[in-house]
PDB file of N, CA and C in Angstrom:
ATOM      1  N   MET A   1       1.442  -1.315   0.475  1.00  0.00           N
ATOM      2  CA  MET A   1      -0.524   0.113   0.419  1.00  0.00           C
ATOM      3  C   MET A   1       1.263   1.480   0.071  1.00  0.00           C
ATOM      4  N   ASN A   2       0.179   2.586  -0.354  1.00  0.00           N
ATOM      5  CA  ASN A   2       1.386   3.094  -0.166  1.00  0.00           C
ATOM      6  C   ASN A   2       1.029   4.539   0.637  1.00  0.00           C
ATOM      7  N   LEU A   3       1.235   5.369   0.642  1.00  0.00           N
ATOM      8  CA  LEU A   3       0.884   6.362   1.713  1.00  0.00           C
ATOM      9  C   LEU A   3       0.987   7.602   1.159  1.00  0.00           C
ATOM     10  N   THR A   4      -0.346   8.910   1.427  1.00  0.00           N
ATOM     11  CA  THR A   4      -0.218   9.785   0.411  1.00  0.00           C
ATOM     12  C   THR A   4       0.449  11.023   1.807  1.00  0.00           C
ATOM     13  N   VAL A   5       1.209  11.938   0.858  1.00  0.00           N
ATOM     14  CA  VAL A   5       1.384  13.286   2.860  1.00  0.00           C
ATOM     15  C   VAL A   5       0.891  14.117   1.908  1.00  0.00           C
ATOM     16  N   ASP A   6       0.346  14.951   2.488  1.00  0.00           N
ATOM     17  CA  ASP A   6      -0.681  16.607   2.179  1.00  0.00           C
ATOM     18  C   ASP A   6      -0.200  17.217   3.124  1.00  0.00           C
ATOM     19  N   VAL A   7       0.356  18.273   2.758  1.00  0.00           N
ATOM     20  CA  VAL A   7       0.604  19.539   3.874  1.00  0.00           C
ATOM     21  C   VAL A   7       0.060  20.156   3.824  1.00  0.00           C
ATOM     22  N   SER A   8      -0.486  21.297   4.583  1.00  0.00           N
ATOM     23  CA  SER A   8      -1.177  22.220   4.491  1.00  0.00           C
ATOM     24  C   SER A   8      -1.308  22.434   5.955  1.00  0.00           C
ATOM     25  N   HIS A   9      -1.123  24.817   5.834  1.00  0.00           N
ATOM     26  CA  HIS A   9      -1.206  25.333   6.547  1.00  0.00           C
ATOM     27  C   HIS A   9      -2.578  26.063   7.085  1.00  0.00           C
ATOM     28  N   VAL A  10      -2.395  26.138   8.531  1.00  0.00           N
ATOM     29  CA  VAL A  10      -4.114  26.785   9.173  1.00  0.00           C
ATOM     30  C   VAL A  10      -4.140  27.139   9.996  1.00  0.00           C
ATOM     31  N   GLU A  11      -4.235  28.778  10.142  1.00  0.00           N
ATOM     32  CA  GLU A  11      -4.241  29.386  11.219  1.00  0.00           C
ATOM     33  C   GLU A  11      -2.253  29.276  12.141  1.00  0.00           C
ATOM     34  N   ASN A  12      -2.162  29.446  11.135  1.00  0.00           N
ATOM     35  CA  ASN A  12      -0.426  29.530  11.535  1.00  0.00           C
ATOM     36  C   ASN A  12       0.191  28.049  11.880  1.00  0.00           C
ATOM     37  N   VAL A  13      -0.821  27.065  12.091  1.00  0.00           N
ATOM     38  CA  VAL A  13       0.091  25.320  12.110  1.00  0.00           C
ATOM     39  C   VAL A  13       0.648  24.924  11.029  1.00  0.00           C
ATOM     40  N   THR A  14       1.169  24.279  10.795  1.00  0.00           N
ATOM     41  CA  THR A  14       1.470  23.419   9.688  1.00  0.00           C
ATOM     42  C   THR A  14       1.060  21.455   9.702  1.00  0.00           C
ATOM     43  N   VAL A  15      -0.679  21.587   9.146  1.00  0.00           N
ATOM     44  CA  VAL A  15      -0.696  20.117   9.078  1.00  0.00           C
ATOM     45  C   VAL A  15      -0.314  19.201   7.985  1.00  0.00           C
ATOM     46  N   VAL A  16       0.155  17.947   8.423  1.00  0.00           N
ATOM     47  CA  VAL A  16       0.402  16.319   7.144  1.00  0.00           C
ATOM     48  C   VAL A  16      -0.659  15.903   7.567  1.00  0.00           C
ATOM     49  N   ASP A  17      -1.322  15.554   6.666  1.00  0.00           N
ATOM     50  CA  ASP A  17      -2.236  14.730   6.058  1.00  0.00           C
ATOM     51  C   ASP A  17      -1.910  13.664   5.809  1.00  0.00           C
ATOM     52  N   LEU A  18      -1.849  12.156   6.485  1.00  0.00           N
ATOM     53  CA  LEU A  18      -1.677  11.297   5.978  1.00  0.00           C
ATOM     54  C   LEU A  18      -2.901  10.310   5.547  1.00  0.00           C
ATOM     55  N   VAL A  19      -2.252   9.668   4.685  1.00  0.00           N
ATOM     56  CA  VAL A  19      -3.693   8.349   4.140  1.00  0.00           C
ATOM     57  C   VAL A  19      -2.508   7.294   3.782  1.00  0.00           C
ATOM     58  N   GLY A  20      -2.744   5.862   4.218  1.00  0.00           N
ATOM     59  CA  GLY A  20      -2.603   4.697   4.230  1.00  0.00           C
ATOM     60  C   GLY A  20      -1.978   4.004   4.875  1.00  0.00           C
ATOM     61  N   GLU A  21      -0.451   3.911   4.413  1.00  0.00           N
ATOM     62  CA  GLU A  21       0.433   3.005   5.404  1.00  0.00           C
ATOM     63  C   GLU A  21       1.311   3.315   5.865  1.00  0.00           C
ATOM     64  N   LEU A  22       1.754   3.653   7.088  1.00  0.00           N
ATOM     65  CA  LEU A  22       3.882   4.145   7.521  1.00  0.00           C
ATOM     66  C   LEU A  22       4.042   2.917   8.119  1.00  0.00           C
ATOM     67  N   ASP A  23       4.879   2.905   7.149  1.00  0.00           N
ATOM     68  CA  ASP A  23       5.464   1.451   7.049  1.00  0.00           C
ATOM     69  C   ASP A  23       6.812   1.818   6.510  1.00  0.00           C
ATOM     70  N   ALA A  24       8.377   0.029   6.889  1.00  0.00           N
ATOM     71  CA  ALA A  24       9.055   0.030   6.251  1.00  0.00           C
ATOM     72  C   ALA A  24       9.092   0.855   4.789  1.00  0.00           C
ATOM     73  N   PHE A  25       8.372   0.827   3.798  1.00  0.00           N
ATOM     74  CA  PHE A  25       8.588   1.417   2.774  1.00  0.00           C
ATOM     75  C   PHE A  25       7.541   2.489   2.284  1.00  0.00           C
ATOM     76  N   THR A  26       7.365   3.528   2.947  1.00  0.00           N
ATOM     77  CA  THR A  26       6.388   4.513   2.896  1.00  0.00           C
ATOM     78  C   THR A  26       7.020   5.532   3.734  1.00  0.00           C
ATOM     79  N   SER A  27       7.580   5.386   5.360  1.00  0.00           N
ATOM     80  CA  SER A  27       8.367   6.489   5.839  1.00  0.00           C
ATOM     81  C   SER A  27       9.070   7.161   5.111  1.00  0.00           C
ATOM     82  N   LEU A  28       9.993   7.108   4.400  1.00  0.00           N
ATOM     83  CA  LEU A  28      10.815   7.794   4.178  1.00  0.00           C
ATOM     84  C   LEU A  28       9.941   8.987   3.256  1.00  0.00           C
ATOM     85  N   ASP A  29       8.755   9.194   2.865  1.00  0.00           N
ATOM     86  CA  ASP A  29       7.871   9.741   2.336  1.00  0.00           C
ATOM     87  C   ASP A  29       7.441  10.603   3.507  1.00  0.00           C
ATOM     88  N   LEU A  30       7.210  10.473   4.435  1.00  0.00           N
ATOM     89  CA  LEU A  30       6.596  11.187   5.447  1.00  0.00           C
ATOM     90  C   LEU A  30       8.178  12.079   6.043  1.00  0.00           C
ATOM     91  N   ARG A  31       9.313  11.402   5.778  1.00  0.00           N
ATOM     92  CA  ARG A  31      10.601  11.904   6.502  1.00  0.00           C
ATOM     93  C   ARG A  31      10.944  12.800   5.827  1.00  0.00           C
ATOM     94  N   GLU A  32      11.408  12.890   4.825  1.00  0.00           N
ATOM     95  CA  GLU A  32      11.549  13.982   3.546  1.00  0.00           C
ATOM     96  C   GLU A  32      10.703  15.210   3.941  1.00  0.00           C
ATOM     97  N   ALA A  33       9.169  15.115   4.130  1.00  0.00           N
ATOM     98  CA  ALA A  33       8.427  15.754   4.175  1.00  0.00           C
ATOM     99  C   ALA A  33       8.574  16.735   5.030  1.00  0.00           C
ATOM    100  N   VAL A  34       8.501  15.946   6.457  1.00  0.00           N
ATOM    101  CA  VAL A  34       9.211  16.747   8.194  1.00  0.00           C
ATOM    102  C   VAL A  34       9.990  17.365   7.889  1.00  0.00           C
ATOM    103  N   VAL A  35      11.101  16.996   7.058  1.00  0.00           N
ATOM    104  CA  VAL A  35      12.121  17.474   7.019  1.00  0.00           C
ATOM    105  C   VAL A  35      12.594  18.510   6.073  1.00  0.00           C
ATOM    106  N   ARG A  36      11.792  18.597   4.858  1.00  0.00           N
ATOM    107  CA  ARG A  36      11.670  19.626   4.567  1.00  0.00           C
ATOM    108  C   ARG A  36      10.675  21.173   5.384  1.00  0.00           C
ATOM    109  N   LEU A  37       9.844  20.660   5.607  1.00  0.00           N
ATOM    110  CA  LEU A  37       8.976  21.934   6.270  1.00  0.00           C
ATOM    111  C   LEU A  37       9.769  22.233   7.929  1.00  0.00           C
ATOM    112  N   ILE A  38      10.351  21.795   7.979  1.00  0.00           N
ATOM    113  CA  ILE A  38      11.520  22.430   9.569  1.00  0.00           C
ATOM    114  C   ILE A  38      12.504  23.106   8.902  1.00  0.00           C
ATOM    115  N   GLU A  39      13.452  22.668   7.746  1.00  0.00           N
ATOM    116  CA  GLU A  39      14.118  23.648   7.303  1.00  0.00           C
ATOM    117  C   GLU A  39      13.265  24.623   6.289  1.00  0.00           C
ATOM    118  N   GLU A  40      11.796  24.531   6.620  1.00  0.00           N
ATOM    119  CA  GLU A  40      11.459  25.979   5.480  1.00  0.00           C
ATOM    120  C   GLU A  40      11.220  26.661   6.600  1.00  0.00           C
ATOM    121  N   GLY A  41      11.118  26.219   8.165  1.00  0.00           N
ATOM    122  CA  GLY A  41      11.145  27.417   8.919  1.00  0.00           C
ATOM    123  C   GLY A  41       9.625  26.750  10.142  1.00  0.00           C
ATOM    124  N   ALA A  42       8.838  25.863  10.121  1.00  0.00           N
ATOM    125  CA  ALA A  42       8.144  25.150  10.586  1.00  0.00           C
ATOM    126  C   ALA A  42       8.435  24.981  11.480  1.00  0.00           C
ATOM    127  N   ARG A  43       7.465  24.841  12.373  1.00  0.00           N
ATOM    128  CA  ARG A  43       7.682  24.439  13.910  1.00  0.00           C
ATOM    129  C   ARG A  43       6.915  23.999  14.749  1.00  0.00           C
ATOM    130  N   ASP A  44       5.667  24.497  15.192  1.00  0.00           N
ATOM    131  CA  ASP A  44       4.560  23.674  14.800  1.00  0.00           C
ATOM    132  C   ASP A  44       4.185  22.542  14.414  1.00  0.00           C
ATOM    133  N   ILE A  45       3.878  21.192  13.951  1.00  0.00           N
ATOM    134  CA  ILE A  45       4.166  20.236  13.257  1.00  0.00           C
ATOM    135  C   ILE A  45       2.763  19.753  13.941  1.00  0.00           C
ATOM    136  N   ILE A  46       1.393  19.485  13.045  1.00  0.00           N
ATOM    137  CA  ILE A  46       0.842  18.622  13.691  1.00  0.00           C
ATOM    138  C   ILE A  46       1.088  17.323  12.276  1.00  0.00           C
ATOM    139  N   ILE A  47       0.991  15.788  12.549  1.00  0.00           N
ATOM    140  CA  ILE A  47       0.634  14.751  12.496  1.00  0.00           C
ATOM    141  C   ILE A  47      -0.283  14.367  12.145  1.00  0.00           C
ATOM    142  N   ASN A  48      -0.976  14.453  11.006  1.00  0.00           N
ATOM    143  CA  ASN A  48      -2.669  13.650  11.478  1.00  0.00           C
ATOM    144  C   ASN A  48      -2.757  12.605  10.879  1.00  0.00           C
ATOM    145  N   LEU A  49      -3.191  11.268  11.567  1.00  0.00           N
ATOM    146  CA  LEU A  49      -2.851   9.724  11.496  1.00  0.00           C
ATOM    147  C   LEU A  49      -4.893   8.942  11.641  1.00  0.00           C
ATOM    148  N   GLU A  50      -5.343   9.970  11.071  1.00  0.00           N
ATOM    149  CA  GLU A  50      -6.588   9.210  11.636  1.00  0.00           C
ATOM    150  C   GLU A  50      -6.994   7.914  10.240  1.00  0.00           C
ATOM    151  N   ARG A  51      -6.399   8.740   8.965  1.00  0.00           N
ATOM    152  CA  ARG A  51      -6.867   7.992   8.250  1.00  0.00           C
ATOM    153  C   ARG A  51      -5.827   6.861   7.472  1.00  0.00           C
ATOM    154  N   VAL A  52      -4.571   6.650   8.755  1.00  0.00           N
ATOM    155  CA  VAL A  52      -3.296   5.683   8.738  1.00  0.00           C
ATOM    156  C   VAL A  52      -4.119   4.645   9.574  1.00  0.00           C
ATOM    157  N   GLU A  53      -3.811   3.507   8.259  1.00  0.00           N
ATOM    158  CA  GLU A  53      -4.460   1.983   8.564  1.00  0.00           C
ATOM    159  C   GLU A  53      -3.527   0.773   9.134  1.00  0.00           C
ATOM    160  N   PHE A  54      -2.372   1.522   9.000  1.00  0.00           N
ATOM    161  CA  PHE A  54      -1.648   0.734   9.420  1.00  0.00           C
ATOM    162  C   PHE A  54      -0.272   1.134   9.904  1.00  0.00           C
ATOM    163  N   ILE A  55       0.427   0.788  10.749  1.00  0.00           N
ATOM    164  CA  ILE A  55       1.454   1.975  11.448  1.00  0.00           C
ATOM    165  C   ILE A  55       2.633   0.926  12.038  1.00  0.00           C
ATOM    166  N   ASP A  56       3.879   0.128  11.801  1.00  0.00           N
ATOM    167  CA  ASP A  56       5.025  -0.597  11.987  1.00  0.00           C
ATOM    168  C   ASP A  56       5.702   0.028  12.714  1.00  0.00           C
ATOM    169  N   SER A  57       6.764  -0.684  13.084  1.00  0.00           N
ATOM    170  CA  SER A  57       8.077  -0.460  14.191  1.00  0.00           C
ATOM    171  C   SER A  57       9.425   0.568  13.491  1.00  0.00           C
ATOM    172  N   VAL A  58       8.969   0.897  11.957  1.00  0.00           N
ATOM    173  CA  VAL A  58       9.680   1.811  11.130  1.00  0.00           C
ATOM    174  C   VAL A  58       8.294   3.156  11.424  1.00  0.00           C
ATOM    175  N   GLY A  59       7.880   3.060  11.350  1.00  0.00           N
ATOM    176  CA  GLY A  59       6.834   4.217  10.871  1.00  0.00           C
ATOM    177  C   GLY A  59       6.982   4.812  12.601  1.00  0.00           C
ATOM    178  N   LEU A  60       7.136   3.879  13.486  1.00  0.00           N
ATOM    179  CA  LEU A  60       7.231   4.337  14.846  1.00  0.00           C
ATOM    180  C   LEU A  60       8.466   5.330  14.836  1.00  0.00           C
ATOM    181  N   GLY A  61       9.405   5.247  14.492  1.00  0.00           N
ATOM    182  CA  GLY A  61      10.589   5.203  14.080  1.00  0.00           C
ATOM    183  C   GLY A  61      11.231   6.544  13.556  1.00  0.00           C
ATOM    184  N   THR A  62      10.340   6.883  12.396  1.00  0.00           N
ATOM    185  CA  THR A  62      10.325   7.842  11.607  1.00  0.00           C
ATOM    186  C   THR A  62       9.569   9.041  12.294  1.00  0.00           C
ATOM    187  N   LEU A  63       8.214   8.869  12.879  1.00  0.00           N
ATOM    188  CA  LEU A  63       7.748   9.447  14.232  1.00  0.00           C
ATOM    189  C   LEU A  63       8.710  10.341  15.007  1.00  0.00           C
ATOM    190  N   VAL A  64       9.183   8.929  15.556  1.00  0.00           N
ATOM    191  CA  VAL A  64      10.365   9.298  16.535  1.00  0.00           C
ATOM    192  C   VAL A  64      11.460  10.467  16.156  1.00  0.00           C
ATOM    193  N   GLY A  65      11.925  10.433  14.909  1.00  0.00           N
ATOM    194  CA  GLY A  65      13.041  10.343  14.702  1.00  0.00           C
ATOM    195  C   GLY A  65      12.185  12.216  13.877  1.00  0.00           C
ATOM    196  N   CYS A  66      11.636  12.226  13.473  1.00  0.00           N
ATOM    197  CA  CYS A  66      10.608  13.844  13.147  1.00  0.00           C
ATOM    198  C   CYS A  66      10.806  14.232  14.331  1.00  0.00           C
ATOM    199  N   LEU A  67      10.156  14.046  15.765  1.00  0.00           N
ATOM    200  CA  LEU A  67      10.439  14.205  16.909  1.00  0.00           C
ATOM    201  C   LEU A  67      11.333  15.112  17.286  1.00  0.00           C
ATOM    202  N   LYS A  68      12.729  14.478  17.311  1.00  0.00           N
ATOM    203  CA  LYS A  68      14.061  15.238  17.247  1.00  0.00           C
ATOM    204  C   LYS A  68      14.078  15.968  16.318  1.00  0.00           C
ATOM    205  N   ARG A  69      13.894  15.745  15.418  1.00  0.00           N
ATOM    206  CA  ARG A  69      14.573  16.718  14.323  1.00  0.00           C
ATOM    207  C   ARG A  69      14.130  18.789  14.828  1.00  0.00           C
ATOM    208  N   SER A  70      12.366  18.035  15.189  1.00  0.00           N
ATOM    209  CA  SER A  70      11.842  19.494  15.287  1.00  0.00           C
ATOM    210  C   SER A  70      12.227  20.079  16.436  1.00  0.00           C
ATOM    211  N   ALA A  71      12.074  19.512  17.873  1.00  0.00           N
ATOM    212  CA  ALA A  71      12.313  19.663  19.059  1.00  0.00           C
ATOM    213  C   ALA A  71      14.156  20.262  18.958  1.00  0.00           C
ATOM    214  N   GLU A  72      15.193  20.288  17.887  1.00  0.00           N
ATOM    215  CA  GLU A  72      16.496  21.001  17.444  1.00  0.00           C
ATOM    216  C   GLU A  72      16.266  21.893  16.733  1.00  0.00           C
ATOM    217  N   HIS A  73      15.055  22.000  16.335  1.00  0.00           N
ATOM    218  CA  HIS A  73      14.877  23.343  16.194  1.00  0.00           C
ATOM    219  C   HIS A  73      14.170  24.128  16.593  1.00  0.00           C
ATOM    220  N   GLY A  74      13.625  23.769  18.266  1.00  0.00           N
ATOM    221  CA  GLY A  74      12.525  24.422  18.628  1.00  0.00           C
ATOM    222  C   GLY A  74      11.281  24.538  18.101  1.00  0.00           C
ATOM    223  N   GLY A  75      11.119  23.744  17.474  1.00  0.00           N
ATOM    224  CA  GLY A  75       9.581  23.061  17.308  1.00  0.00           C
ATOM    225  C   GLY A  75       8.767  21.744  18.057  1.00  0.00           C
ATOM    226  N   SER A  76       7.607  21.731  17.365  1.00  0.00           N
ATOM    227  CA  SER A  76       7.151  19.970  18.187  1.00  0.00           C
ATOM    228  C   SER A  76       6.367  19.003  17.022  1.00  0.00           C
ATOM    229  N   ILE A  77       5.824  17.906  16.836  1.00  0.00           N
ATOM    230  CA  ILE A  77       5.906  17.670  16.413  1.00  0.00           C
ATOM    231  C   ILE A  77       4.608  16.931  17.275  1.00  0.00           C
ATOM    232  N   ASN A  78       2.919  17.522  16.790  1.00  0.00           N
ATOM    233  CA  ASN A  78       2.009  16.498  17.323  1.00  0.00           C
ATOM    234  C   ASN A  78       1.329  15.295  17.027  1.00  0.00           C
ATOM    235  N   LEU A  79       0.563  14.737  17.218  1.00  0.00           N
ATOM    236  CA  LEU A  79       0.002  14.197  16.489  1.00  0.00           C
ATOM    237  C   LEU A  79      -1.818  13.943  16.890  1.00  0.00           C
ATOM    238  N   VAL A  80      -2.446  13.097  15.230  1.00  0.00           N
ATOM    239  CA  VAL A  80      -3.875  13.193  15.798  1.00  0.00           C
ATOM    240  C   VAL A  80      -4.840  12.100  15.258  1.00  0.00           C
ATOM    241  N   CYS A  81      -4.828  10.884  16.281  1.00  0.00           N
ATOM    242  CA  CYS A  81      -5.149   9.473  16.515  1.00  0.00           C
ATOM    243  C   CYS A  81      -6.151   9.265  16.882  1.00  0.00           C
ATOM    244  N   ALA A  82      -7.396   8.826  16.229  1.00  0.00           N
ATOM    245  CA  ALA A  82      -8.714   8.406  16.537  1.00  0.00           C
ATOM    246  C   ALA A  82      -8.661   6.717  16.094  1.00  0.00           C
ATOM    247  N   ASN A  83      -7.699   6.409  16.117  1.00  0.00           N
ATOM    248  CA  ASN A  83      -8.039   4.854  15.638  1.00  0.00           C
ATOM    249  C   ASN A  83      -7.725   4.209  17.032  1.00  0.00           C
ATOM    250  N   PRO A  84      -8.110   3.737  17.158  1.00  0.00           N
ATOM    251  CA  PRO A  84      -7.843   2.482  18.820  1.00  0.00           C
ATOM    252  C   PRO A  84      -7.216   1.722  18.433  1.00  0.00           C
ATOM    253  N   GLN A  85      -6.730   0.724  17.444  1.00  0.00           N
ATOM    254  CA  GLN A  85      -5.852  -0.170  17.688  1.00  0.00           C
ATOM    255  C   GLN A  85      -4.221   0.579  17.645  1.00  0.00           C
ATOM    256  N   ILE A  86      -4.354   1.946  16.536  1.00  0.00           N
ATOM    257  CA  ILE A  86      -2.763   2.527  16.515  1.00  0.00           C
ATOM    258  C   ILE A  86      -2.894   3.276  17.962  1.00  0.00           C
ATOM    259  N   GLN A  87      -3.679   3.664  18.339  1.00  0.00           N
ATOM    260  CA  GLN A  87      -3.720   4.415  20.016  1.00  0.00           C
ATOM    261  C   GLN A  87      -3.042   4.071  21.388  1.00  0.00           C
ATOM    262  N   LYS A  88      -2.905   1.782  20.778  1.00  0.00           N
ATOM    263  CA  LYS A  88      -2.770   1.283  21.470  1.00  0.00           C
ATOM    264  C   LYS A  88      -1.115   1.016  21.124  1.00  0.00           C
ATOM    265  N   VAL A  89      -0.584   0.937  19.889  1.00  0.00           N
ATOM    266  CA  VAL A  89       0.318   1.085  19.256  1.00  0.00           C
ATOM    267  C   VAL A  89       1.731   1.922  20.587  1.00  0.00           C
ATOM    268  N   PHE A  90       0.772   3.367  20.216  1.00  0.00           N
ATOM    269  CA  PHE A  90       1.616   4.552  20.451  1.00  0.00           C
ATOM    270  C   PHE A  90       1.426   4.000  22.595  1.00  0.00           C
ATOM    271  N   ASP A  91      -0.148   3.445  23.304  1.00  0.00           N
ATOM    272  CA  ASP A  91       0.277   3.145  24.686  1.00  0.00           C
ATOM    273  C   ASP A  91       1.424   1.920  24.823  1.00  0.00           C
ATOM    274  N   ILE A  92       1.485   0.933  24.274  1.00  0.00           N
ATOM    275  CA  ILE A  92       2.251   0.055  24.635  1.00  0.00           C
ATOM    276  C   ILE A  92       3.857  -0.061  24.565  1.00  0.00           C
ATOM    277  N   THR A  93       3.897   1.514  23.454  1.00  0.00           N
ATOM    278  CA  THR A  93       5.500   1.450  22.786  1.00  0.00           C
ATOM    279  C   THR A  93       5.930   2.430  24.000  1.00  0.00           C
ATOM    280  N   GLY A  94       4.881   3.432  25.109  1.00  0.00           N
ATOM    281  CA  GLY A  94       5.039   4.503  25.825  1.00  0.00           C
ATOM    282  C   GLY A  94       5.573   5.837  24.423  1.00  0.00           C
ATOM    283  N   LEU A  95       5.005   5.399  23.583  1.00  0.00           N
ATOM    284  CA  LEU A  95       4.924   7.182  23.046  1.00  0.00           C
ATOM    285  C   LEU A  95       4.180   7.961  22.917  1.00  0.00           C
ATOM    286  N   SER A  96       3.047   6.990  23.803  1.00  0.00           N
ATOM    287  CA  SER A  96       1.515   8.280  24.075  1.00  0.00           C
ATOM    288  C   SER A  96       2.435   9.370  25.399  1.00  0.00           C
ATOM    289  N   LYS A  97       3.522   8.866  26.366  1.00  0.00           N
ATOM    290  CA  LYS A  97       3.905   9.839  27.030  1.00  0.00           C
ATOM    291  C   LYS A  97       4.751  10.834  26.134  1.00  0.00           C
ATOM    292  N   ILE A  98       5.450  10.639  24.693  1.00  0.00           N
ATOM    293  CA  ILE A  98       6.254  11.513  24.726  1.00  0.00           C
ATOM    294  C   ILE A  98       5.530  12.229  23.603  1.00  0.00           C
ATOM    295  N   PHE A  99       4.419  12.192  22.761  1.00  0.00           N
ATOM    296  CA  PHE A  99       3.687  12.824  21.790  1.00  0.00           C
ATOM    297  C   PHE A  99       2.537  12.918  22.390  1.00  0.00           C
ATOM    298  N   ALA A 100       2.467  14.326  22.866  1.00  0.00           N
ATOM    299  CA  ALA A 100       0.298  14.703  22.434  1.00  0.00           C
ATOM    300  C   ALA A 100       0.133  14.318  21.190  1.00  0.00           C
ATOM    301  N   ILE A 101      -0.910  13.944  21.678  1.00  0.00           N
ATOM    302  CA  ILE A 101      -2.284  13.328  20.548  1.00  0.00           C
ATOM    303  C   ILE A 101      -3.055  13.380  21.065  1.00  0.00           C
ATOM    304  N   TYR A 102      -3.604  14.103  19.778  1.00  0.00           N
ATOM    305  CA  TYR A 102      -4.991  14.506  20.226  1.00  0.00           C
ATOM    306  C   TYR A 102      -6.525  14.106  19.027  1.00  0.00           C
ATOM    307  N   LYS A 103      -7.590  13.550  19.648  1.00  0.00           N
ATOM    308  CA  LYS A 103      -8.920  12.752  19.321  1.00  0.00           C
ATOM    309  C   LYS A 103      -8.883  13.347  17.314  1.00  0.00           C
ATOM    310  N   THR A 104      -8.740  14.225  17.199  1.00  0.00           N
ATOM    311  CA  THR A 104      -9.220  14.996  16.195  1.00  0.00           C
ATOM    312  C   THR A 104      -8.400  16.293  15.350  1.00  0.00           C
ATOM    313  N   ARG A 105      -8.262  16.637  14.305  1.00  0.00           N
ATOM    314  CA  ARG A 105      -7.701  17.005  13.532  1.00  0.00           C
ATOM    315  C   ARG A 105      -7.581  19.226  14.076  1.00  0.00           C
ATOM    316  N   GLU A 106      -9.093  19.318  14.466  1.00  0.00           N
ATOM    317  CA  GLU A 106      -9.443  20.464  15.046  1.00  0.00           C
ATOM    318  C   GLU A 106      -9.741  20.868  16.024  1.00  0.00           C
ATOM    319  N   GLU A 107      -9.693  19.480  17.179  1.00  0.00           N
ATOM    320  CA  GLU A 107      -8.691  20.284  18.315  1.00  0.00           C
ATOM    321  C   GLU A 107      -7.440  20.389  18.554  1.00  0.00           C
ATOM    322  N   ALA A 108      -6.503  19.677  17.826  1.00  0.00           N
ATOM    323  CA  ALA A 108      -5.363  19.587  17.367  1.00  0.00           C
ATOM    324  C   ALA A 108      -4.843  21.349  17.029  1.00  0.00           C
ATOM    325  N   ILE A 109      -5.337  21.786  16.504  1.00  0.00           N
ATOM    326  CA  ILE A 109      -5.127  23.518  15.530  1.00  0.00           C
ATOM    327  C   ILE A 109      -5.603  24.497  16.471  1.00  0.00           C
ATOM    328  N   GLN A 110      -6.972  23.929  16.763  1.00  0.00           N
ATOM    329  CA  GLN A 110      -7.009  25.024  18.283  1.00  0.00           C
ATOM    330  C   GLN A 110      -6.266  24.910  19.522  1.00  0.00           C
ATOM    331  N   ARG A 111      -5.473  23.512  19.583  1.00  0.00           N
ATOM    332  CA  ARG A 111      -4.737  23.940  20.770  1.00  0.00           C
ATOM    333  C   ARG A 111      -3.378  24.626  20.194  1.00  0.00           C
ATOM    334  N   LEU A 112      -2.504  24.019  19.452  1.00  0.00           N
ATOM    335  CA  LEU A 112      -2.105  24.612  18.759  1.00  0.00           C
ATOM    336  C   LEU A 112      -1.600  26.110  17.992  1.00  0.00           C
ATOM    337  N   ALA A 113      -2.460  26.687  17.623  1.00  0.00           N
ATOM    338  CA  ALA A 113      -2.933  27.335  16.700  1.00  0.00           C
ATOM    339  C   ALA A 113      -2.560  28.477  17.438  1.00  0.00           C
ATOM    340  N   PRO A 114      -2.896  28.985  18.840  1.00  0.00           N
ATOM    341  CA  PRO A 114      -2.852  30.557  19.683  1.00  0.00           C
ATOM    342  C   PRO A 114      -1.008  30.202  20.031  1.00  0.00           C
ATOM    343  N   LEU A 115      -0.576  28.991  20.371  1.00  0.00           N
ATOM    344  CA  LEU A 115       0.782  28.505  20.218  1.00  0.00           C
ATOM    345  C   LEU A 115       1.915  29.138  18.756  1.00  0.00           C
ATOM    346  N   ALA A 116       1.322  29.111  18.109  1.00  0.00           N
ATOM    347  CA  ALA A 116       2.287  29.221  16.275  1.00  0.00           C
ATOM    348  C   ALA A 116       2.119  30.465  16.442  1.00  0.00           C
ATOM    349  N   ALA A 117       0.594  31.453  16.538  1.00  0.00           N
ATOM    350  CA  ALA A 117       0.446  32.816  16.714  1.00  0.00           C
ATOM    351  C   ALA A 117       1.613  33.768  17.652  1.00  0.00           C
ATOM    352  N   GLY A 118       1.531  32.860  18.635  1.00  0.00           N
ATOM    353  CA  GLY A 118       2.953  33.786  19.669  1.00  0.00           C
ATOM    354  C   GLY A 118       4.026  33.845  19.171  1.00  0.00           C
ATOM    355  N   SER A 119       4.239  32.913  18.262  1.00  0.00           N
ATOM    356  CA  SER A 119       5.924  32.396  18.470  1.00  0.00           C
ATOM    357  C   SER A 119       6.750  33.589  17.250  1.00  0.00           C
TER     358      SER A 119
END
């Protein structure tokens, strides 16, 4: 399966909407997109996993790498995850304690937009 990576800017926040599977075969697409965004100056990035059907350990590692890269540049990576199976993966691995995870894209934007406007 493929991964579609769609980038948009909403209320001073960069949103990366993903559709498909985030795995060993598709993770590079996400990594390249996020690295490019950070290099272009994006600080508060939301990665929307609402339409991600599957994530493996390489996908998780890619998200952690994005988080590290963003933090090095004074930014943050925030996730949207409504899928209970994928949320369970974050809980089991302890990554739900590392990432800010929101239930909806709108909730994440509402929370981050005031912070982004102030920076």
